């Protein structure tokens, strides 16, 4: 399952890009199954049937899920996907999992969505179902809550999360082949999580700001489709979330300026931060290095990454 950079520019909660940093999950189970009502709670199933047989690697090695009292998102998604599909509420008596991730945790790169999609996808296999990405997406949205990240993790590429009546839908959007991405990921996570930073956002916008954001989103989408650099630069001018979240990233303006000076069309916060994403053409490694140096000038060590856009999302094998 790929990483994802959501909230692109003014695309708050509705636009995300899948990136070739992946979480992979291998799962096996015995032929024996157990009934949900045989346990006091889902947590009891986790403690007896999953937790003793889990292995983590990559960015998950030091994750706090080592505490047996806290099920990981993979297992939560697996459980909920099975129960939601009903009516046979049977679960594996022994679920062995090996999960590796190259996605930084808590840095605005969709690590939670990748774990949720992986758990829900393996639940489909447990139930003997063929891979169904539409159902996978709906399950991930229900569990994870961020439709933009879920869309990118399931379908890959540039994705729009749409609301049609009460139904959430995902639609692929064009991404020009000349465009490249640079990420800069601070080595320390933010003290505030996504839910906390969301509270910083205004409940209302002035009409002029709302119109500006609508225009910026359309301009950004045009730029991403055509590779038009000035359109991408103008499209990154958000009025809703970036002005209120950028204060948590020391040297935000300097980082953006360094990326543009190095050749990027624009740079902004990835997801809820603290990673930054820049889009450009040409020598994108130079852009990543410039952002890394800007972080360093403000007392923060960071890692520059230049991943490809993930054309495929969830891959089942």
Protein backbone atom coordinates (compact mmCIF):
# COMPACT_ATOMS: atom_id res chain seq x y z
CA UNK A 1 0.00 0.00 0.00
CA UNK A 2 1.53 3.34 -0.99
CA UNK A 3 2.15 6.42 1.08
CA UNK A 4 -0.02 9.41 0.30
CA UNK A 5 0.28 13.17 0.49
CA UNK A 6 -3.16 14.59 1.18
CA UNK A 7 -4.60 18.11 1.52
CA UNK A 8 -2.56 19.15 -1.52
CA UNK A 9 -2.59 22.94 -1.54
CA UNK A 10 -6.26 23.97 -1.30
CA UNK A 11 -7.41 20.35 -1.72
CA UNK A 12 -8.19 19.98 1.98
CA UNK A 13 -9.79 16.61 2.76
CA UNK A 14 -10.41 15.92 -0.93
CA UNK A 15 -7.13 15.64 -2.89
CA UNK A 16 -4.25 13.20 -2.37
CA UNK A 17 -1.28 11.85 -4.29
CA UNK A 18 -0.01 8.26 -3.91
CA UNK A 19 3.76 7.89 -3.55
CA UNK A 20 6.10 4.94 -3.94
CA UNK A 21 6.87 4.48 -0.27
CA UNK A 22 5.02 1.35 0.74
CA UNK A 23 3.64 -0.68 3.58
CA UNK A 24 3.59 -4.42 2.91
CA UNK A 25 1.76 -6.95 5.01
CA UNK A 26 2.00 -10.73 4.88
CA UNK A 27 -0.58 -12.71 6.79
CA UNK A 28 -1.21 -16.39 7.33
CA UNK A 29 -3.76 -18.21 9.42
CA UNK A 30 -4.61 -21.69 10.51
CA UNK A 31 -7.71 -23.46 9.26
CA UNK A 32 -9.32 -23.06 12.66
CA UNK A 33 -11.66 -20.15 13.21
CA UNK A 34 -13.30 -18.68 16.29
CA UNK A 35 -16.60 -16.94 16.92
CA UNK A 36 -16.60 -13.32 17.99
CA UNK A 37 -18.97 -14.04 20.88
CA UNK A 38 -16.39 -16.44 22.31
CA UNK A 39 -14.43 -13.41 23.52
CA UNK A 40 -15.26 -10.72 26.01
CA UNK A 41 -14.32 -8.04 23.47
CA UNK A 42 -12.42 -7.53 20.20
CA UNK A 43 -9.44 -6.64 22.37
CA UNK A 44 -9.49 -10.13 23.86
CA UNK A 45 -9.29 -11.62 20.35
CA UNK A 46 -6.35 -9.35 19.56
CA UNK A 47 -4.49 -10.30 22.73
CA UNK A 48 -4.93 -14.05 22.27
CA UNK A 49 -5.01 -14.61 18.52
CA UNK A 50 -3.02 -11.78 16.91
CA UNK A 51 -0.62 -9.95 19.22
CA UNK A 52 1.64 -12.95 20.04
CA UNK A 53 2.20 -13.64 16.33
CA UNK A 54 3.02 -10.19 14.95
CA UNK A 55 6.32 -8.90 13.54
CA UNK A 56 7.17 -5.32 12.58
CA UNK A 57 10.03 -3.91 10.53
CA UNK A 58 11.04 -0.65 8.87
CA UNK A 59 9.51 2.47 10.38
CA UNK A 60 7.29 0.30 12.62
CA UNK A 61 10.12 -1.17 14.70
CA UNK A 62 9.89 1.40 17.47
CA UNK A 63 6.17 2.02 17.12
CA UNK A 64 4.28 2.09 20.43
CA UNK A 65 2.07 -0.79 19.30
CA UNK A 66 4.53 -3.04 21.16
CA UNK A 67 2.05 -2.59 24.00
CA UNK A 68 -0.27 -5.56 23.76
CA UNK A 69 -3.16 -3.51 25.16
CA UNK A 70 -3.34 -1.43 21.98
CA UNK A 71 -4.29 -3.22 18.75
CA UNK A 72 -2.59 -1.94 15.63
CA UNK A 73 -4.59 -0.33 12.83
CA UNK A 74 -4.00 -3.34 10.60
CA UNK A 75 -5.78 -5.66 13.06
CA UNK A 76 -8.55 -3.12 13.76
CA UNK A 77 -9.22 -2.83 10.03
CA UNK A 78 -9.15 -6.61 9.58
CA UNK A 79 -11.65 -7.08 12.40
CA UNK A 80 -14.03 -4.34 11.28
CA UNK A 81 -13.92 -5.44 7.65
CA UNK A 82 -14.92 -8.97 8.66
CA UNK A 83 -17.72 -7.81 10.96
CA UNK A 84 -19.04 -5.22 8.48
CA UNK A 85 -19.21 -7.84 5.73
CA UNK A 86 -21.22 -10.23 7.97
CA UNK A 87 -23.16 -12.22 8.75
CA UNK A 88 -20.48 -14.83 9.55
CA UNK A 89 -18.61 -13.22 12.42
CA UNK A 90 -15.77 -15.71 12.42
CA UNK A 91 -12.15 -14.74 12.90
CA UNK A 92 -8.85 -16.62 12.63
CA UNK A 93 -7.87 -18.51 15.77
CA UNK A 94 -4.27 -17.57 14.96
CA UNK A 95 -3.48 -14.63 12.66
CA UNK A 96 0.23 -14.37 11.95
CA UNK A 97 1.28 -11.02 10.49
CA UNK A 98 4.55 -9.60 9.25
CA UNK A 99 4.28 -5.91 8.46
CA UNK A 100 7.03 -3.78 6.94
CA UNK A 101 6.68 -0.08 6.25
CA UNK A 102 8.89 2.52 4.63
CA UNK A 103 6.34 5.25 5.43
CA UNK A 104 7.29 7.65 8.23
CA UNK A 105 4.81 7.51 11.11
CA UNK A 106 2.92 10.65 12.08
CA UNK A 107 4.48 12.83 9.40
CA UNK A 108 1.58 13.53 7.06
CA UNK A 109 2.32 10.70 4.65
CA UNK A 110 -0.73 8.50 5.08
CA UNK A 111 0.82 5.74 7.20
CA UNK A 112 -2.50 5.11 8.94
CA UNK A 113 -4.42 4.80 5.69
CA UNK A 114 -1.87 2.32 4.32
CA UNK A 115 -2.21 0.12 7.43
CA UNK A 116 -6.01 0.25 7.33
CA UNK A 117 -6.16 -0.63 3.63
CA UNK A 118 -3.77 -3.54 4.19
CA UNK A 119 -5.86 -4.94 7.05
CA UNK A 120 -9.11 -4.62 5.13
CA UNK A 121 -7.58 -6.18 2.01
CA UNK A 122 -6.38 -9.23 3.91
CA UNK A 123 -9.83 -9.53 5.53
CA UNK A 124 -11.23 -9.96 2.03
CA UNK A 125 -8.81 -12.82 1.47
CA UNK A 126 -9.73 -14.40 4.82
CA UNK A 127 -13.38 -14.41 3.82
CA UNK A 128 -12.50 -16.01 0.49
CA UNK A 129 -13.49 -12.96 -1.52
CA UNK A 130 -11.81 -11.69 -4.67
CA UNK A 131 -10.07 -8.31 -4.35
CA UNK A 132 -12.69 -5.56 -4.56
CA UNK A 133 -11.12 -2.10 -4.48
CA UNK A 134 -14.44 -0.24 -4.38
CA UNK A 135 -15.48 -2.10 -1.22
CA UNK A 136 -11.94 -1.78 0.11
CA UNK A 137 -12.12 1.98 -0.29
CA UNK A 138 -15.49 2.24 1.47
CA UNK A 139 -14.22 0.13 4.37
CA UNK A 140 -11.05 2.21 4.66
CA UNK A 141 -13.03 5.47 4.70
CA UNK A 142 -15.27 4.16 7.48
CA UNK A 143 -12.35 3.01 9.61
CA UNK A 144 -9.68 5.59 8.86
CA UNK A 145 -11.86 8.63 8.32
CA UNK A 146 -9.71 10.38 5.72
CA UNK A 147 -11.18 9.65 2.31
CA UNK A 148 -8.39 11.39 0.40
CA UNK A 149 -5.62 9.26 1.94
CA UNK A 150 -7.75 6.13 1.60
CA UNK A 151 -8.40 6.84 -2.09
CA UNK A 152 -4.71 7.24 -2.87
CA UNK A 153 -3.77 4.13 -0.89
CA UNK A 154 -6.37 1.98 -2.67
CA UNK A 155 -6.28 3.32 -6.23
CA UNK A 156 -2.90 5.05 -6.59
CA UNK A 157 -2.09 8.17 -8.60
CA UNK A 158 -3.75 11.53 -8.01
CA UNK A 159 -7.14 10.99 -6.41
CA UNK A 160 -10.13 13.16 -5.62
CA UNK A 161 -12.46 12.11 -2.80
CA UNK A 162 -15.96 13.10 -3.87
CA UNK A 163 -19.20 13.24 -1.92
CA UNK A 164 -22.28 12.22 -3.91
CA UNK A 165 -25.26 12.50 -1.62
CA UNK A 166 -24.20 10.50 1.42
CA UNK A 167 -21.78 8.35 -0.55
CA UNK A 168 -18.05 8.93 -0.76
CA UNK A 169 -16.51 8.19 -4.13
CA UNK A 170 -12.97 8.28 -5.48
CA UNK A 171 -12.00 9.47 -8.93
CA UNK A 172 -8.59 9.44 -10.61
CA UNK A 173 -7.31 12.78 -11.88
CA UNK A 174 -4.65 13.46 -14.54
CA UNK A 175 -1.03 13.86 -13.47
CA UNK A 176 1.42 15.16 -16.05
CA UNK A 177 4.29 12.79 -16.75
CA UNK A 178 6.92 15.54 -16.50
CA UNK A 179 6.15 16.32 -12.86
CA UNK A 180 8.33 15.05 -10.03
CA UNK A 181 7.97 15.07 -6.26
CA UNK A 182 10.40 15.86 -3.45
CA UNK A 183 9.58 15.20 0.19
CA UNK A 184 11.40 16.44 3.24
CA UNK A 185 10.58 14.48 6.38
CA UNK A 186 11.72 15.78 9.79
CA UNK A 187 13.46 13.18 11.92
CA UNK A 188 11.21 14.03 14.86
CA UNK A 189 7.42 13.83 14.77
CA UNK A 190 5.20 16.76 15.61
CA UNK A 191 3.93 16.97 19.16
CA UNK A 192 0.41 17.53 17.82
CA UNK A 193 -1.40 14.76 15.92
CA UNK A 194 -3.74 15.27 12.97
CA UNK A 195 -6.84 15.58 15.17
CA UNK A 196 -5.18 18.22 17.30
CA UNK A 197 -4.00 20.33 14.37
CA UNK A 198 -7.48 20.13 12.84
CA UNK A 199 -8.77 22.07 15.85
CA UNK A 200 -6.59 24.99 14.81
CA UNK A 201 -8.58 25.47 11.61
CA UNK A 202 -11.32 28.10 11.34
CA UNK A 203 -14.95 27.06 11.37
CA UNK A 204 -15.79 29.75 8.80
CA UNK A 205 -14.05 31.52 5.93
CA UNK A 206 -14.71 34.96 4.52
CA UNK A 207 -16.43 34.83 1.16
CA UNK A 208 -13.36 36.23 -0.57
CA UNK A 209 -11.18 33.52 0.97
CA UNK A 210 -13.62 30.76 0.02
CA UNK A 211 -13.71 31.99 -3.58
CA UNK A 212 -9.91 32.24 -3.59
CA UNK A 213 -9.60 28.62 -2.44
CA UNK A 214 -12.02 27.39 -5.10
CA UNK A 215 -10.07 29.22 -7.78
CA UNK A 216 -6.75 27.96 -6.43
CA UNK A 217 -7.93 24.34 -6.45
CA UNK A 218 -9.05 24.57 -10.08
CA UNK A 219 -5.78 26.26 -10.98
CA UNK A 220 -3.77 23.56 -9.22
CA UNK A 221 -5.66 20.75 -10.97
CA UNK A 222 -5.05 22.44 -14.32
CA UNK A 223 -1.35 22.72 -13.52
CA UNK A 224 -1.02 19.09 -12.41
CA UNK A 225 -2.77 17.92 -15.58
CA UNK A 226 -0.77 20.06 -18.00
CA UNK A 227 2.56 20.42 -16.20
CA UNK A 228 2.10 24.21 -16.15
CA UNK A 229 4.52 25.45 -13.48
CA UNK A 230 3.01 28.90 -12.85
CA UNK A 231 -0.43 27.30 -12.44
CA UNK A 232 0.95 24.86 -9.86
CA UNK A 233 2.64 27.73 -8.01
CA UNK A 234 -0.59 29.74 -7.93
CA UNK A 235 -2.61 26.65 -7.04
CA UNK A 236 -0.61 26.07 -3.87
CA UNK A 237 -1.97 29.34 -2.40
CA UNK A 238 -4.30 27.87 0.22
CA UNK A 239 -6.49 29.94 2.57
CA UNK A 240 -8.02 27.20 4.73
CA UNK A 241 -5.49 24.96 6.44
CA UNK A 242 -1.93 25.94 5.51
CA UNK A 243 -2.00 29.43 7.10
CA UNK A 244 -3.03 27.88 10.41
CA UNK A 245 -0.77 24.82 10.37
CA UNK A 246 2.44 26.31 9.01
CA UNK A 247 3.37 27.78 12.41
CA UNK A 248 4.07 24.27 13.70
CA UNK A 249 6.84 23.84 11.11
CA UNK A 250 9.84 25.94 12.12
CA UNK A 251 11.07 27.89 9.12
CA UNK A 252 8.08 27.07 6.91
CA UNK A 253 8.51 30.11 4.66
CA UNK A 254 12.25 29.48 4.37
CA UNK A 255 11.63 25.84 3.39
CA UNK A 256 9.16 26.87 0.70
CA UNK A 257 11.50 29.55 -0.57
CA UNK A 258 14.44 27.16 -0.67
CA UNK A 259 12.42 24.64 -2.69
CA UNK A 260 11.33 27.24 -5.23
CA UNK A 261 14.84 28.68 -5.53
CA UNK A 262 16.12 25.15 -6.22
CA UNK A 263 13.67 24.76 -9.09
CA UNK A 264 10.35 23.61 -7.63
CA UNK A 265 7.12 25.17 -8.84
CA UNK A 266 5.84 25.19 -5.30
CA UNK A 267 5.98 23.50 -1.90
CA UNK A 268 3.48 23.01 0.88
CA UNK A 269 2.62 20.90 3.91
CA UNK A 270 2.07 17.21 3.26
CA UNK A 271 -1.11 16.08 4.96
CA UNK A 272 -1.21 17.59 8.43
CA UNK A 273 2.61 17.85 8.56
CA UNK A 274 5.35 17.97 9.57
CA UNK A 275 6.66 16.70 6.19
CA UNK A 276 6.81 19.10 3.27
CA UNK A 277 6.13 18.23 -0.36
CA UNK A 278 7.46 20.07 -3.40
CA UNK A 279 6.51 19.56 -7.05
CA UNK A 280 8.70 20.43 -10.01
CA UNK A 281 10.58 19.07 -12.98
CA UNK A 282 14.27 18.63 -13.74
CA UNK A 283 16.69 17.94 -10.88
CA UNK A 284 14.23 17.17 -8.09
CA UNK A 285 17.03 15.83 -5.85
CA UNK A 286 18.34 19.38 -5.68
CA UNK A 287 14.95 20.53 -4.43
CA UNK A 288 14.89 17.90 -1.68
CA UNK A 289 18.40 18.82 -0.57
CA UNK A 290 17.50 22.52 -0.43
CA UNK A 291 14.50 21.81 1.79
CA UNK A 292 16.63 19.62 4.05
CA UNK A 293 19.15 22.43 4.48
CA UNK A 294 16.36 24.87 5.26
CA UNK A 295 15.03 22.56 7.98
CA UNK A 296 18.56 22.38 9.37
CA UNK A 297 18.88 26.17 9.49
CA UNK A 298 15.93 26.16 11.86
CA UNK A 299 17.26 23.47 14.16
CA UNK A 300 15.53 20.43 12.68
CA UNK A 301 17.24 17.43 11.10
CA UNK A 302 15.27 16.05 8.16
CA UNK A 303 15.51 13.45 5.42
CA UNK A 304 14.99 14.32 1.75
CA UNK A 305 13.19 11.72 -0.38
CA UNK A 306 12.25 11.85 -4.07
CA UNK A 307 9.71 9.05 -4.56
CA UNK A 308 7.95 8.25 -7.79
CA UNK A 309 4.21 8.75 -8.00
CA UNK A 310 2.61 5.37 -7.29
CA UNK A 311 0.54 4.52 -10.34
CA UNK A 312 -0.86 1.47 -8.53
CA UNK A 313 -2.46 1.58 -5.12
CA UNK A 314 -3.33 -1.59 -3.23
CA UNK A 315 -1.63 -4.68 -4.68
CA UNK A 316 -2.91 -8.08 -3.54
CA UNK A 317 -0.93 -11.25 -4.17
